[in-house]
Amino acid sequence: MRFLIATLLLLAVCTAGAHIGYENNTEVRIFSDKMRVIARTSVPFAWARLGGRAPAIADEAGREIARPLLIAAAPALFEVTAGGQRIHPVAVDCAFEVENDVAFILNFERPVAWPVVLDAVFLKQFGPLDTGTISVYDYTASRFSRDLKPIAEKVISQGDSSLSFSLAAPAPAEKQAMPPSSPAVPASPPNPPRIPWLIILAGLAGIWAAWKFRRLSARP
């Protein structure tokens, strides 16, 4: 009874344009170093996940109580495999957004094996007519890219709740080519020692004086 009253109150406070009932839209964002799964849904969806632990009303105080409980419940929303092996989130968060939307955020290490299969197992909790969407975006080249088109997308339901996709490994960073080094310039041979011109001139003058003296001495 308490849970029914809480659900009715939540439906009353949800505004037009927000997620109402159990609507859900999931984005998978692949970065060069991680994979992020963001599931946006409604307050009634979040409170249904908590069951009898849900606060009576989703006012500010009720959301403060619910947030850590929703963070703890977030990993069980999906079953994720990569190359057939189960992988688990390394970080989880939950945020109350505008228009009463609730976002579950699950961060995984970037898969190293493919394909990745994302199964929205939470749909088993709801009715066969409840549906949602999953879209996959590749941000490997740049995490700040805008207007990306999904590489895979699907409408999911209780009978078909999973999406499979593959992505190539990120290209290794190119090494910058070093400019060719200039050939070594051979060292110049050492310059021979220079004899001062004054010494040379003095030597020539001495030779000339000696020769002149001999000429004069040889005369009778």
Protein backbone atom coordinates (compact mmCIF):
# COMPACT_ATOMS: atom_id res chain seq x y z
CA MET A 1 0.00 0.00 0.00
CA ARG A 2 2.82 2.40 0.87
CA PHE A 3 4.49 1.77 -2.48
CA LEU A 4 1.18 2.31 -4.34
CA ILE A 5 0.62 5.65 -2.60
CA ALA A 6 4.18 6.72 -3.41
CA THR A 7 3.70 5.83 -7.09
CA LEU A 8 0.46 7.82 -7.33
CA LEU A 9 2.13 10.84 -5.74
CA LEU A 10 5.03 10.59 -8.17
CA LEU A 11 2.73 10.51 -11.17
CA ALA A 12 1.01 13.62 -9.86
CA VAL A 13 4.21 15.63 -9.54
CA CYS A 14 5.74 14.65 -12.91
CA THR A 15 5.53 17.56 -15.36
CA ALA A 16 4.60 17.44 -19.02
CA GLY A 17 7.51 16.58 -21.34
CA ALA A 18 9.34 14.52 -18.73
CA HIS A 19 9.74 10.77 -18.74
CA ILE A 20 6.46 9.44 -17.36
CA GLY A 21 5.77 5.87 -16.38
CA TYR A 22 8.61 3.50 -17.24
CA GLU A 23 9.96 5.18 -20.37
CA ASN A 24 13.71 4.78 -20.79
CA ASN A 25 16.37 5.87 -23.27
CA THR A 26 19.92 4.52 -23.03
CA GLU A 27 23.03 5.98 -24.68
CA VAL A 28 26.28 4.06 -24.98
CA ARG A 29 29.27 6.32 -25.55
CA ILE A 30 32.57 4.74 -26.59
CA PHE A 31 35.66 6.81 -25.83
CA SER A 32 39.30 5.99 -26.51
CA ASP A 33 39.81 4.93 -22.87
CA LYS A 34 36.36 3.94 -21.55
CA MET A 35 32.73 3.11 -22.29
CA ARG A 36 29.90 5.07 -20.63
CA VAL A 37 26.29 3.89 -20.41
CA ILE A 38 23.69 6.55 -19.55
CA ALA A 39 20.11 5.37 -18.94
CA ARG A 40 17.60 8.23 -18.68
CA THR A 41 14.20 7.44 -17.29
CA SER A 42 11.53 8.67 -14.88
CA VAL A 43 11.11 9.04 -11.16
CA PRO A 44 8.40 6.31 -11.13
CA PHE A 45 10.90 3.99 -12.86
CA ALA A 46 13.55 4.78 -10.22
CA TRP A 47 11.10 4.32 -7.35
CA ALA A 48 9.94 1.01 -8.84
CA ARG A 49 13.57 -0.19 -8.72
CA LEU A 50 13.67 0.60 -5.00
CA GLY A 51 10.38 -1.08 -4.19
CA GLY A 52 9.52 -0.79 -0.51
CA ARG A 53 12.70 1.22 0.19
CA ALA A 54 11.46 4.15 -1.92
CA PRO A 55 10.72 7.42 -0.06
CA ALA A 56 7.05 8.38 0.20
CA ILE A 57 7.50 11.38 -2.12
CA ALA A 58 10.18 12.55 -4.52
CA ASP A 59 10.76 15.98 -3.03
CA GLU A 60 14.30 17.23 -2.41
CA ALA A 61 14.58 15.34 0.87
CA GLY A 62 13.20 12.16 -0.69
CA ARG A 63 15.70 12.37 -3.55
CA GLU A 64 18.59 12.80 -1.13
CA ILE A 65 17.49 9.58 0.57
CA ALA A 66 16.94 7.75 -2.71
CA ARG A 67 20.17 8.71 -4.53
CA PRO A 68 22.64 6.39 -2.72
CA LEU A 69 20.08 3.57 -2.97
CA LEU A 70 19.74 4.14 -6.70
CA ILE A 71 23.53 4.23 -7.17
CA ALA A 72 23.74 0.86 -5.43
CA ALA A 73 20.97 -0.51 -7.67
CA ALA A 74 22.37 0.86 -10.95
CA PRO A 75 24.77 -2.02 -11.84
CA ALA A 76 21.84 -4.45 -11.92
CA LEU A 77 20.05 -2.50 -14.68
CA PHE A 78 22.18 -4.08 -17.42
CA GLU A 79 24.11 -7.22 -18.14
CA VAL A 80 27.09 -6.39 -20.36
CA THR A 81 29.43 -8.80 -22.12
CA ALA A 82 32.46 -8.15 -24.33
CA GLY A 83 33.65 -11.00 -26.52
CA GLY A 84 31.35 -13.32 -24.58
CA GLN A 85 32.83 -12.38 -21.18
CA ARG A 86 30.85 -10.50 -18.54
CA ILE A 87 32.21 -7.04 -17.73
CA HIS A 88 31.26 -4.81 -14.80
CA PRO A 89 31.20 -1.03 -14.29
CA VAL A 90 34.17 0.55 -12.54
CA ALA A 91 32.19 3.63 -11.46
CA VAL A 92 28.46 4.31 -11.05
CA ASP A 93 26.41 7.44 -10.40
CA CYS A 94 22.81 8.65 -10.41
CA ALA A 95 21.57 12.17 -11.08
CA PHE A 96 18.16 13.86 -10.90
CA GLU A 97 17.92 16.02 -14.02
CA VAL A 98 15.52 18.66 -15.29
CA GLU A 99 11.87 17.78 -15.85
CA ASN A 100 12.05 15.02 -13.23
CA ASP A 101 14.28 12.78 -15.36
CA VAL A 102 16.60 10.38 -13.57
CA ALA A 103 19.93 9.41 -15.15
CA PHE A 104 21.82 6.25 -14.23
CA ILE A 105 25.47 6.53 -15.28
CA LEU A 106 27.71 3.46 -15.54
CA ASN A 107 31.37 3.74 -16.57
CA PHE A 108 33.25 0.70 -17.92
CA GLU A 109 36.79 0.24 -19.10
CA ARG A 110 36.93 0.36 -22.89
CA PRO A 111 36.21 -3.13 -24.19
CA VAL A 112 39.16 -4.99 -25.74
CA ALA A 113 37.05 -7.82 -27.19
CA TRP A 114 34.00 -7.66 -29.43
CA PRO A 115 31.10 -7.80 -29.90
CA VAL A 116 29.71 -5.94 -26.92
CA VAL A 117 26.20 -7.03 -25.92
CA LEU A 118 24.15 -4.71 -23.70
CA ASP A 119 21.08 -6.38 -22.20
CA ALA A 120 18.53 -4.14 -20.43
CA VAL A 121 17.49 -6.75 -17.89
CA PHE A 122 15.44 -4.18 -15.95
CA LEU A 123 12.68 -4.61 -18.55
CA LYS A 124 11.85 -7.98 -16.99
CA GLN A 125 10.46 -6.05 -14.03
CA PHE A 126 7.87 -4.27 -16.16
CA GLY A 127 5.09 -5.22 -18.53
CA PRO A 128 5.36 -6.63 -22.08
CA LEU A 129 4.21 -3.31 -23.55
CA ASP A 130 6.91 -1.23 -21.84
CA THR A 131 9.67 -0.29 -24.29
CA GLY A 132 12.85 1.75 -24.46
CA THR A 133 15.72 2.59 -26.81
CA ILE A 134 19.46 1.97 -26.92
CA SER A 135 21.78 4.08 -29.10
CA VAL A 136 25.56 3.65 -29.48
CA TYR A 137 27.92 6.54 -30.31
CA ASP A 138 31.60 6.35 -31.19
CA TYR A 139 33.63 9.13 -29.54
CA THR A 140 36.97 7.39 -30.11
CA ALA A 141 38.34 10.13 -32.39
CA SER A 142 37.24 12.97 -30.12
CA ARG A 143 35.21 13.02 -26.92
CA PHE A 144 34.00 16.53 -27.83
CA SER A 145 32.46 15.60 -31.21
CA ARG A 146 28.97 16.95 -31.84
CA ASP A 147 26.09 15.79 -34.01
CA LEU A 148 27.39 12.22 -34.15
CA LYS A 149 25.14 9.66 -35.75
CA PRO A 150 24.67 6.43 -33.81
CA ILE A 151 26.63 3.44 -35.08
CA ALA A 152 23.85 1.19 -33.73
CA GLU A 153 20.37 1.78 -32.30
CA LYS A 154 17.36 -0.31 -31.39
CA VAL A 155 13.95 -0.21 -29.76
CA ILE A 156 14.01 -2.70 -26.88
CA SER A 157 11.21 -4.49 -25.09
CA GLN A 158 10.77 -7.26 -22.57
CA GLY A 159 10.97 -9.90 -25.30
CA ASP A 160 13.95 -8.32 -27.10
CA SER A 161 15.99 -6.36 -24.58
CA SER A 162 19.58 -6.53 -25.90
CA LEU A 163 21.73 -4.77 -28.49
CA SER A 164 25.00 -6.10 -29.94
CA PHE A 165 27.68 -3.94 -31.60
CA SER A 166 31.35 -4.07 -32.56
CA LEU A 167 33.97 -1.40 -32.86
CA ALA A 168 37.56 -1.49 -34.04
CA ALA A 169 40.34 -0.94 -31.54
CA PRO A 170 41.60 2.66 -31.36
CA ALA A 171 44.43 3.38 -33.74
CA PRO A 172 47.79 3.79 -31.99
CA ALA A 173 49.03 7.31 -31.72
CA GLU A 174 51.31 8.21 -34.61
CA LYS A 175 54.88 8.90 -33.69
CA GLN A 176 56.13 12.20 -34.99
CA ALA A 177 58.94 11.66 -37.48
CA MET A 178 62.18 13.25 -36.44
CA PRO A 179 63.66 15.57 -39.09
CA PRO A 180 66.74 14.04 -40.76
CA SER A 181 69.86 15.15 -39.05
CA SER A 182 72.35 17.21 -41.07
CA PRO A 183 75.56 15.38 -42.00
CA ALA A 184 78.41 16.13 -39.70
CA VAL A 185 80.70 18.81 -41.03
CA PRO A 186 84.33 17.56 -40.98
CA ALA A 187 86.53 19.50 -38.67
CA SER A 188 88.89 21.92 -40.38
CA PRO A 189 92.55 20.94 -40.18
CA PRO A 190 94.43 22.97 -37.65
CA ASN A 191 96.01 26.09 -39.10
CA PRO A 192 99.82 25.94 -39.25
CA PRO A 193 101.49 28.25 -36.83
CA ARG A 194 102.14 31.66 -38.35
CA ILE A 195 105.64 33.10 -38.14
CA PRO A 196 105.51 36.78 -37.41
CA TRP A 197 106.42 38.88 -40.42
CA LEU A 198 108.79 40.95 -38.35
CA ILE A 199 110.97 37.91 -37.66
CA ILE A 200 111.07 37.03 -41.37
CA LEU A 201 111.96 40.56 -42.36
CA ALA A 202 114.61 40.72 -39.66
CA GLY A 203 116.15 37.48 -40.94
CA LEU A 204 116.24 38.72 -44.54
CA ALA A 205 117.77 42.00 -43.45
CA GLY A 206 120.48 40.11 -41.55
CA ILE A 207 121.28 37.94 -44.59
CA TRP A 208 121.46 41.01 -46.82
CA ALA A 209 123.73 42.86 -44.35
CA ALA A 210 126.10 39.90 -44.12
CA TRP A 211 126.29 39.63 -47.89
CA LYS A 212 126.94 43.37 -48.21
CA PHE A 213 129.68 43.21 -45.59
CA ARG A 214 131.44 40.43 -47.47
CA ARG A 215 131.33 42.44 -50.68
CA LEU A 216 132.85 45.44 -49.05
CA SER A 217 135.51 43.34 -47.30
CA ALA A 218 136.48 41.67 -50.56
CA ARG A 219 137.45 44.96 -52.24
CA PRO A 220 141.19 45.87 -52.30
